[in-house]
Amino acid sequence: MSEEAFYCPLLKKDIVNSLCSNITHAAEGLISQAFVTAVSDWEKAKLTCADCGNAYWNKNNMEVPDFVQKLIDESES
Protein backbone atom coordinates (compact mmCIF):
# COMPACT_ATOMS: atom_id res chain seq x y z
CA MET A 1 0.00 0.00 0.00
CA SER A 2 1.43 3.40 -0.94
CA GLU A 3 1.55 6.34 1.43
CA GLU A 4 -0.54 9.47 1.04
CA ALA A 5 1.40 12.26 -0.67
CA PHE A 6 0.73 15.98 -0.56
CA TYR A 7 2.46 19.26 -1.36
CA CYS A 8 5.11 20.41 1.10
CA PRO A 9 5.58 24.20 1.11
CA LEU A 10 9.01 23.81 2.73
CA LEU A 11 10.45 21.46 0.12
CA LYS A 12 8.24 22.85 -2.67
CA LYS A 13 7.23 19.41 -3.91
CA ASP A 14 4.92 16.50 -3.12
CA ILE A 15 6.15 14.36 -0.23
CA VAL A 16 4.83 11.25 1.50
CA ASN A 17 3.24 11.47 4.92
CA SER A 18 6.15 9.73 6.68
CA LEU A 19 8.63 12.38 5.49
CA CYS A 20 6.26 15.13 6.62
CA SER A 21 6.01 13.48 10.03
CA ASN A 22 9.78 13.19 10.28
CA ILE A 23 10.22 16.86 9.38
CA THR A 24 7.66 18.05 11.91
CA HIS A 25 9.01 15.76 14.63
CA ALA A 26 12.56 16.98 13.99
CA ALA A 27 11.42 20.61 13.96
CA GLU A 28 9.75 19.95 17.30
CA GLY A 29 12.89 18.28 18.70
CA LEU A 30 11.34 14.82 19.11
CA ILE A 31 13.87 13.24 16.72
CA SER A 32 17.31 14.36 15.59
CA GLN A 33 17.36 16.88 12.76
CA ALA A 34 20.33 14.94 11.37
CA PHE A 35 17.90 12.09 10.67
CA VAL A 36 16.03 14.24 8.11
CA THR A 37 18.51 14.97 5.35
CA ALA A 38 15.90 16.58 3.07
CA VAL A 39 15.95 19.74 5.22
CA SER A 40 18.93 22.06 5.43
CA ASP A 41 17.40 25.16 7.05
CA TRP A 42 15.68 24.21 10.30
CA GLU A 43 14.68 27.75 11.27
CA LYS A 44 12.82 28.00 7.95
CA ALA A 45 11.36 24.54 8.58
CA LYS A 46 10.05 25.58 11.99
CA LEU A 47 8.34 28.64 10.53
CA THR A 48 6.93 26.77 7.54
CA CYS A 49 5.72 23.76 9.51
CA ALA A 50 4.17 25.98 12.18
CA ASP A 51 1.84 27.41 9.54
CA CYS A 52 1.28 24.25 7.47
CA GLY A 53 -2.11 22.55 7.35
CA ASN A 54 -0.40 19.20 6.76
CA ALA A 55 1.53 19.27 10.05
CA TYR A 56 0.36 16.39 12.22
CA TRP A 57 -1.00 18.68 14.93
CA ASN A 58 -3.18 20.52 12.39
CA LYS A 59 -4.33 17.39 10.57
CA ASN A 60 -5.33 15.74 13.85
CA ASN A 61 -6.76 18.84 15.54
CA MET A 62 -4.19 18.59 18.34
CA GLU A 63 -2.69 21.26 20.57
CA VAL A 64 0.22 22.93 18.84
CA PRO A 65 3.73 22.01 19.97
CA ASP A 66 5.67 24.37 22.23
CA PHE A 67 7.88 25.69 19.42
CA VAL A 68 4.80 26.68 17.41
CA GLN A 69 3.23 28.45 20.39
CA LYS A 70 6.51 30.27 20.98
CA LEU A 71 6.54 31.47 17.36
CA ILE A 72 2.93 32.65 17.72
CA ASP A 73 3.72 34.47 20.96
CA GLU A 74 6.78 36.15 19.43
CA SER A 75 4.81 37.33 16.39
CA GLU A 76 2.15 38.90 18.62
CA SER A 77 4.60 40.90 20.71
PDB file of N, CA and C in Angstrom:
ATOM      1  N   MET A   1       0.842  -1.169   0.000  1.00  0.00           N
ATOM      2  CA  MET A   1       0.000   0.000   0.000  1.00  0.00           C
ATOM      3  C   MET A   1       0.896   1.245   0.000  1.00  0.00           C
ATOM      4  N   SER A   2       0.607   2.203  -0.866  1.00  0.00           N
ATOM      5  CA  SER A   2       1.426   3.405  -0.941  1.00  0.00           C
ATOM      6  C   SER A   2       0.940   4.453   0.064  1.00  0.00           C
ATOM      7  N   GLU A   3       1.874   5.298   0.471  1.00  0.00           N
ATOM      8  CA  GLU A   3       1.552   6.344   1.431  1.00  0.00           C
ATOM      9  C   GLU A   3       0.876   7.521   0.748  1.00  0.00           C
ATOM     10  N   GLU A   4       0.070   8.239   1.517  1.00  0.00           N
ATOM     11  CA  GLU A   4      -0.540   9.470   1.040  1.00  0.00           C
ATOM     12  C   GLU A   4       0.572  10.482   0.756  1.00  0.00           C
ATOM     13  N   ALA A   5       0.444  11.214  -0.327  1.00  0.00           N
ATOM     14  CA  ALA A   5       1.399  12.258  -0.666  1.00  0.00           C
ATOM     15  C   ALA A   5       0.651  13.581  -0.801  1.00  0.00           C
ATOM     16  N   PHE A   6       1.320  14.656  -0.444  1.00  0.00           N
ATOM     17  CA  PHE A   6       0.730  15.982  -0.558  1.00  0.00           C
ATOM     18  C   PHE A   6       1.852  16.996  -0.701  1.00  0.00           C
ATOM     19  N   TYR A   7       1.488  18.209  -1.111  1.00  0.00           N
ATOM     20  CA  TYR A   7       2.464  19.256  -1.364  1.00  0.00           C
ATOM     21  C   TYR A   7       3.070  19.777  -0.064  1.00  0.00           C
ATOM     22  N   CYS A   8       4.373  19.876  -0.030  1.00  0.00           N
ATOM     23  CA  CYS A   8       5.112  20.410   1.105  1.00  0.00           C
ATOM     24  C   CYS A   8       5.615  21.811   0.737  1.00  0.00           C
ATOM     25  N   PRO A   9       5.121  22.848   1.427  1.00  0.00           N
ATOM     26  CA  PRO A   9       5.580  24.199   1.108  1.00  0.00           C
ATOM     27  C   PRO A   9       7.050  24.449   1.465  1.00  0.00           C
ATOM     28  N   LEU A  10       7.596  23.671   2.376  1.00  0.00           N
ATOM     29  CA  LEU A  10       9.006  23.812   2.735  1.00  0.00           C
ATOM     30  C   LEU A  10       9.903  23.297   1.613  1.00  0.00           C
ATOM     31  N   LEU A  11       9.622  22.082   1.151  1.00  0.00           N
ATOM     32  CA  LEU A  11      10.453  21.462   0.117  1.00  0.00           C
ATOM     33  C   LEU A  11       9.987  21.794  -1.292  1.00  0.00           C
ATOM     34  N   LYS A  12       8.816  22.419  -1.390  1.00  0.00           N
ATOM     35  CA  LYS A  12       8.237  22.846  -2.669  1.00  0.00           C
ATOM     36  C   LYS A  12       8.038  21.689  -3.650  1.00  0.00           C
ATOM     37  N   LYS A  13       7.543  20.578  -3.098  1.00  0.00           N
ATOM     38  CA  LYS A  13       7.227  19.407  -3.913  1.00  0.00           C
ATOM     39  C   LYS A  13       6.310  18.493  -3.120  1.00  0.00           C
ATOM     40  N   ASP A  14       5.725  17.499  -3.808  1.00  0.00           N
ATOM     41  CA  ASP A  14       4.916  16.503  -3.117  1.00  0.00           C
ATOM     42  C   ASP A  14       5.823  15.577  -2.322  1.00  0.00           C
ATOM     43  N   ILE A  15       5.407  15.298  -1.086  1.00  0.00           N
ATOM     44  CA  ILE A  15       6.146  14.364  -0.232  1.00  0.00           C
ATOM     45  C   ILE A  15       5.157  13.380   0.381  1.00  0.00           C
ATOM     46  N   VAL A  16       5.683  12.239   0.835  1.00  0.00           N
ATOM     47  CA  VAL A  16       4.831  11.246   1.498  1.00  0.00           C
ATOM     48  C   VAL A  16       4.658  11.634   2.961  1.00  0.00           C
ATOM     49  N   ASN A  17       3.602  11.135   3.547  1.00  0.00           N
ATOM     50  CA  ASN A  17       3.243  11.465   4.918  1.00  0.00           C
ATOM     51  C   ASN A  17       4.368  11.164   5.912  1.00  0.00           C
ATOM     52  N   SER A  18       5.090  10.076   5.718  1.00  0.00           N
ATOM     53  CA  SER A  18       6.148   9.730   6.682  1.00  0.00           C
ATOM     54  C   SER A  18       7.267  10.771   6.682  1.00  0.00           C
ATOM     55  N   LEU A  19       7.603  11.333   5.521  1.00  0.00           N
ATOM     56  CA  LEU A  19       8.626  12.381   5.488  1.00  0.00           C
ATOM     57  C   LEU A  19       8.107  13.635   6.174  1.00  0.00           C
ATOM     58  N   CYS A  20       6.864  13.980   5.940  1.00  0.00           N
ATOM     59  CA  CYS A  20       6.256  15.130   6.622  1.00  0.00           C
ATOM     60  C   CYS A  20       6.324  14.933   8.135  1.00  0.00           C
ATOM     61  N   SER A  21       5.955  13.770   8.592  1.00  0.00           N
ATOM     62  CA  SER A  21       6.007  13.481  10.026  1.00  0.00           C
ATOM     63  C   SER A  21       7.414  13.610  10.567  1.00  0.00           C
ATOM     64  N   ASN A  22       8.390  13.093   9.837  1.00  0.00           N
ATOM     65  CA  ASN A  22       9.779  13.193  10.282  1.00  0.00           C
ATOM     66  C   ASN A  22      10.229  14.653  10.354  1.00  0.00           C
ATOM     67  N   ILE A  23       9.842  15.447   9.368  1.00  0.00           N
ATOM     68  CA  ILE A  23      10.221  16.860   9.378  1.00  0.00           C
ATOM     69  C   ILE A  23       9.601  17.560  10.577  1.00  0.00           C
ATOM     70  N   THR A  24       8.316  17.368  10.799  1.00  0.00           N
ATOM     71  CA  THR A  24       7.661  18.054  11.913  1.00  0.00           C
ATOM     72  C   THR A  24       8.186  17.561  13.264  1.00  0.00           C
ATOM     73  N   HIS A  25       8.451  16.273  13.370  1.00  0.00           N
ATOM     74  CA  HIS A  25       9.005  15.757  14.629  1.00  0.00           C
ATOM     75  C   HIS A  25      10.413  16.298  14.875  1.00  0.00           C
ATOM     76  N   ALA A  26      11.219  16.422  13.827  1.00  0.00           N
ATOM     77  CA  ALA A  26      12.565  16.980  13.988  1.00  0.00           C
ATOM     78  C   ALA A  26      12.502  18.470  14.302  1.00  0.00           C
ATOM     79  N   ALA A  27      11.585  19.189  13.666  1.00  0.00           N
ATOM     80  CA  ALA A  27      11.425  20.613  13.962  1.00  0.00           C
ATOM     81  C   ALA A  27      11.017  20.812  15.417  1.00  0.00           C
ATOM     82  N   GLU A  28      10.231  19.887  15.918  1.00  0.00           N
ATOM     83  CA  GLU A  28       9.751  19.951  17.301  1.00  0.00           C
ATOM     84  C   GLU A  28      10.805  19.473  18.304  1.00  0.00           C
ATOM     85  N   GLY A  29      11.845  18.775  17.824  1.00  0.00           N
ATOM     86  CA  GLY A  29      12.888  18.275  18.705  1.00  0.00           C
ATOM     87  C   GLY A  29      12.635  16.871  19.222  1.00  0.00           C
ATOM     88  N   LEU A  30      11.648  16.189  18.660  1.00  0.00           N
ATOM     89  CA  LEU A  30      11.341  14.824  19.109  1.00  0.00           C
ATOM     90  C   LEU A  30      12.279  13.788  18.509  1.00  0.00           C
ATOM     91  N   ILE A  31      12.841  14.095  17.333  1.00  0.00           N
ATOM     92  CA  ILE A  31      13.866  13.244  16.724  1.00  0.00           C
ATOM     93  C   ILE A  31      15.002  14.155  16.272  1.00  0.00           C
ATOM     94  N   SER A  32      16.153  13.583  16.009  1.00  0.00           N
ATOM     95  CA  SER A  32      17.306  14.357  15.585  1.00  0.00           C
ATOM     96  C   SER A  32      17.083  14.964  14.201  1.00  0.00           C
ATOM     97  N   GLN A  33      17.441  16.233  14.066  1.00  0.00           N
ATOM     98  CA  GLN A  33      17.362  16.877  12.758  1.00  0.00           C
ATOM     99  C   GLN A  33      18.311  16.217  11.765  1.00  0.00           C
ATOM    100  N   ALA A  34      19.376  15.629  12.241  1.00  0.00           N
ATOM    101  CA  ALA A  34      20.327  14.940  11.369  1.00  0.00           C
ATOM    102  C   ALA A  34      19.680  13.750  10.669  1.00  0.00           C
ATOM    103  N   PHE A  35      18.618  13.218  11.247  1.00  0.00           N
ATOM    104  CA  PHE A  35      17.897  12.086  10.671  1.00  0.00           C
ATOM    105  C   PHE A  35      17.146  12.480   9.396  1.00  0.00           C
ATOM    106  N   VAL A  36      16.833  13.767   9.239  1.00  0.00           N
ATOM    107  CA  VAL A  36      16.030  14.240   8.110  1.00  0.00           C
ATOM    108  C   VAL A  36      16.932  15.031   7.175  1.00  0.00           C
ATOM    109  N   THR A  37      17.537  14.342   6.238  1.00  0.00           N
ATOM    110  CA  THR A  37      18.513  14.973   5.351  1.00  0.00           C
ATOM    111  C   THR A  37      17.875  15.851   4.274  1.00  0.00           C
ATOM    112  N   ALA A  38      16.583  15.776   4.092  1.00  0.00           N
ATOM    113  CA  ALA A  38      15.902  16.578   3.075  1.00  0.00           C
ATOM    114  C   ALA A  38      15.829  18.049   3.458  1.00  0.00           C
ATOM    115  N   VAL A  39      16.055  18.365   4.736  1.00  0.00           N
ATOM    116  CA  VAL A  39      15.946  19.741   5.223  1.00  0.00           C
ATOM    117  C   VAL A  39      17.329  20.260   5.585  1.00  0.00           C
ATOM    118  N   SER A  40      17.640  21.468   5.090  1.00  0.00           N
ATOM    119  CA  SER A  40      18.933  22.065   5.427  1.00  0.00           C
ATOM    120  C   SER A  40      18.787  23.304   6.304  1.00  0.00           C
ATOM    121  N   ASP A  41      17.621  23.942   6.282  1.00  0.00           N
ATOM    122  CA  ASP A  41      17.397  25.165   7.051  1.00  0.00           C
ATOM    123  C   ASP A  41      16.287  24.911   8.068  1.00  0.00           C
ATOM    124  N   TRP A  42      16.671  24.599   9.291  1.00  0.00           N
ATOM    125  CA  TRP A  42      15.684  24.214  10.303  1.00  0.00           C
ATOM    126  C   TRP A  42      14.903  25.390  10.860  1.00  0.00           C
ATOM    127  N   GLU A  43      15.467  26.587  10.835  1.00  0.00           N
ATOM    128  CA  GLU A  43      14.683  27.754  11.265  1.00  0.00           C
ATOM    129  C   GLU A  43      13.554  27.998  10.268  1.00  0.00           C
ATOM    130  N   LYS A  44      13.859  27.875   8.983  1.00  0.00           N
ATOM    131  CA  LYS A  44      12.823  28.001   7.951  1.00  0.00           C
ATOM    132  C   LYS A  44      11.801  26.877   8.100  1.00  0.00           C
ATOM    133  N   ALA A  45      12.263  25.674   8.394  1.00  0.00           N
ATOM    134  CA  ALA A  45      11.360  24.537   8.576  1.00  0.00           C
ATOM    135  C   ALA A  45      10.402  24.788   9.731  1.00  0.00           C
ATOM    136  N   LYS A  46      10.906  25.306  10.832  1.00  0.00           N
ATOM    137  CA  LYS A  46      10.050  25.578  11.989  1.00  0.00           C
ATOM    138  C   LYS A  46       8.953  26.570  11.626  1.00  0.00           C
ATOM    139  N   LEU A  47       9.323  27.633  10.930  1.00  0.00           N
ATOM    140  CA  LEU A  47       8.340  28.641  10.530  1.00  0.00           C
ATOM    141  C   LEU A  47       7.329  28.080   9.539  1.00  0.00           C
ATOM    142  N   THR A  48       7.811  27.320   8.568  1.00  0.00           N
ATOM    143  CA  THR A  48       6.933  26.767   7.536  1.00  0.00           C
ATOM    144  C   THR A  48       6.002  25.719   8.128  1.00  0.00           C
ATOM    145  N   CYS A  49       6.541  24.815   8.915  1.00  0.00           N
ATOM    146  CA  CYS A  49       5.724  23.758   9.513  1.00  0.00           C
ATOM    147  C   CYS A  49       4.704  24.332  10.494  1.00  0.00           C
ATOM    148  N   ALA A  50       5.078  25.378  11.203  1.00  0.00           N
ATOM    149  CA  ALA A  50       4.172  25.982  12.176  1.00  0.00           C
ATOM    150  C   ALA A  50       2.893  26.465  11.518  1.00  0.00           C
ATOM    151  N   ASP A  51       2.984  26.845  10.250  1.00  0.00           N
ATOM    152  CA  ASP A  51       1.841  27.413   9.543  1.00  0.00           C
ATOM    153  C   ASP A  51       1.232  26.436   8.524  1.00  0.00           C
ATOM    154  N   CYS A  52       1.701  25.207   8.504  1.00  0.00           N
ATOM    155  CA  CYS A  52       1.282  24.247   7.472  1.00  0.00           C
ATOM    156  C   CYS A  52       0.075  23.417   7.911  1.00  0.00           C
ATOM    157  N   GLY A  53      -0.919  23.356   7.067  1.00  0.00           N
ATOM    158  CA  GLY A  53      -2.110  22.555   7.350  1.00  0.00           C
ATOM    159  C   GLY A  53      -1.847  21.064   7.353  1.00  0.00           C
ATOM    160  N   ASN A  54      -0.720  20.628   6.779  1.00  0.00           N
ATOM    161  CA  ASN A  54      -0.395  19.205   6.757  1.00  0.00           C
ATOM    162  C   ASN A  54       0.380  18.736   7.976  1.00  0.00           C
ATOM    163  N   ALA A  55       0.823  19.663   8.823  1.00  0.00           N
ATOM    164  CA  ALA A  55       1.532  19.274  10.046  1.00  0.00           C
ATOM    165  C   ALA A  55       0.613  18.394  10.885  1.00  0.00           C
ATOM    166  N   TYR A  56       1.181  17.391  11.528  1.00  0.00           N
ATOM    167  CA  TYR A  56       0.360  16.389  12.217  1.00  0.00           C
ATOM    168  C   TYR A  56      -0.578  17.006  13.242  1.00  0.00           C
ATOM    169  N   TRP A  57      -0.140  18.075  13.915  1.00  0.00           N
ATOM    170  CA  TRP A  57      -1.003  18.681  14.927  1.00  0.00           C
ATOM    171  C   TRP A  57      -2.213  19.362  14.287  1.00  0.00           C
ATOM    172  N   ASN A  58      -2.045  19.904  13.093  1.00  0.00           N
ATOM    173  CA  ASN A  58      -3.179  20.516  12.395  1.00  0.00           C
ATOM    174  C   ASN A  58      -4.103  19.457  11.792  1.00  0.00           C
ATOM    175  N   LYS A  59      -3.516  18.439  11.194  1.00  0.00           N
ATOM    176  CA  LYS A  59      -4.328  17.387  10.567  1.00  0.00           C
ATOM    177  C   LYS A  59      -5.157  16.613  11.591  1.00  0.00           C
ATOM    178  N   ASN A  60      -4.650  16.530  12.814  1.00  0.00           N
ATOM    179  CA  ASN A  60      -5.326  15.743  13.850  1.00  0.00           C
ATOM    180  C   ASN A  60      -5.998  16.603  14.910  1.00  0.00           C
ATOM    181  N   ASN A  61      -6.095  17.911  14.631  1.00  0.00           N
ATOM    182  CA  ASN A  61      -6.763  18.838  15.538  1.00  0.00           C
ATOM    183  C   ASN A  61      -6.204  18.736  16.963  1.00  0.00           C
ATOM    184  N   MET A  62      -4.877  18.717  17.058  1.00  0.00           N
ATOM    185  CA  MET A  62      -4.187  18.592  18.337  1.00  0.00           C
ATOM    186  C   MET A  62      -3.691  19.959  18.796  1.00  0.00           C
ATOM    187  N   GLU A  63      -3.322  20.051  20.060  1.00  0.00           N
ATOM    188  CA  GLU A  63      -2.690  21.256  20.572  1.00  0.00           C
ATOM    189  C   GLU A  63      -1.353  21.444  19.866  1.00  0.00           C
ATOM    190  N   VAL A  64      -1.029  22.684  19.550  1.00  0.00           N
ATOM    191  CA  VAL A  64       0.223  22.935  18.835  1.00  0.00           C
ATOM    192  C   VAL A  64       1.412  22.682  19.751  1.00  0.00           C
ATOM    193  N   PRO A  65       2.522  22.236  19.170  1.00  0.00           N
ATOM    194  CA  PRO A  65       3.731  22.011  19.973  1.00  0.00           C
ATOM    195  C   PRO A  65       4.260  23.325  20.561  1.00  0.00           C
ATOM    196  N   ASP A  66       5.115  23.210  21.551  1.00  0.00           N
ATOM    197  CA  ASP A  66       5.674  24.375  22.230  1.00  0.00           C
ATOM    198  C   ASP A  66       6.379  25.327  21.268  1.00  0.00           C
ATOM    199  N   PHE A  67       7.147  24.794  20.309  1.00  0.00           N
ATOM    200  CA  PHE A  67       7.880  25.688  19.423  1.00  0.00           C
ATOM    201  C   PHE A  67       6.931  26.497  18.554  1.00  0.00           C
ATOM    202  N   VAL A  68       5.784  25.947  18.192  1.00  0.00           N
ATOM    203  CA  VAL A  68       4.803  26.683  17.412  1.00  0.00           C
ATOM    204  C   VAL A  68       4.179  27.777  18.270  1.00  0.00           C
ATOM    205  N   GLN A  69       3.814  27.445  19.496  1.00  0.00           N
ATOM    206  CA  GLN A  69       3.233  28.446  20.391  1.00  0.00           C
ATOM    207  C   GLN A  69       4.214  29.578  20.649  1.00  0.00           C
ATOM    208  N   LYS A  70       5.492  29.251  20.774  1.00  0.00           N
ATOM    209  CA  LYS A  70       6.510  30.274  20.981  1.00  0.00           C
ATOM    210  C   LYS A  70       6.584  31.199  19.768  1.00  0.00           C
ATOM    211  N   LEU A  71       6.513  30.650  18.563  1.00  0.00           N
ATOM    212  CA  LEU A  71       6.538  31.474  17.355  1.00  0.00           C
ATOM    213  C   LEU A  71       5.308  32.388  17.303  1.00  0.00           C
ATOM    214  N   ILE A  72       4.162  31.850  17.695  1.00  0.00           N
ATOM    215  CA  ILE A  72       2.931  32.651  17.716  1.00  0.00           C
ATOM    216  C   ILE A  72       3.074  33.786  18.718  1.00  0.00           C
ATOM    217  N   ASP A  73       3.546  33.456  19.917  1.00  0.00           N
ATOM    218  CA  ASP A  73       3.716  34.472  20.960  1.00  0.00           C
ATOM    219  C   ASP A  73       4.683  35.570  20.522  1.00  0.00           C
ATOM    220  N   GLU A  74       5.784  35.168  19.882  1.00  0.00           N
ATOM    221  CA  GLU A  74       6.782  36.145  19.429  1.00  0.00           C
ATOM    222  C   GLU A  74       6.211  37.060  18.345  1.00  0.00           C
ATOM    223  N   SER A  75       5.368  36.518  17.480  1.00  0.00           N
ATOM    224  CA  SER A  75       4.814  37.327  16.393  1.00  0.00           C
ATOM    225  C   SER A  75       3.761  38.319  16.900  1.00  0.00           C
ATOM    226  N   GLU A  76       3.178  38.019  18.050  1.00  0.00           N
ATOM    227  CA  GLU A  76       2.150  38.896  18.623  1.00  0.00           C
ATOM    228  C   GLU A  76       2.729  39.987  19.497  1.00  0.00           C
ATOM    229  N   SER A  77       4.009  39.875  19.827  1.00  0.00           N
ATOM    230  CA  SER A  77       4.597  40.904  20.711  1.00  0.00           C
ATOM    231  C   SER A  77       5.360  41.943  19.943  1.00  0.00           C
TER     232      SER A  77
END
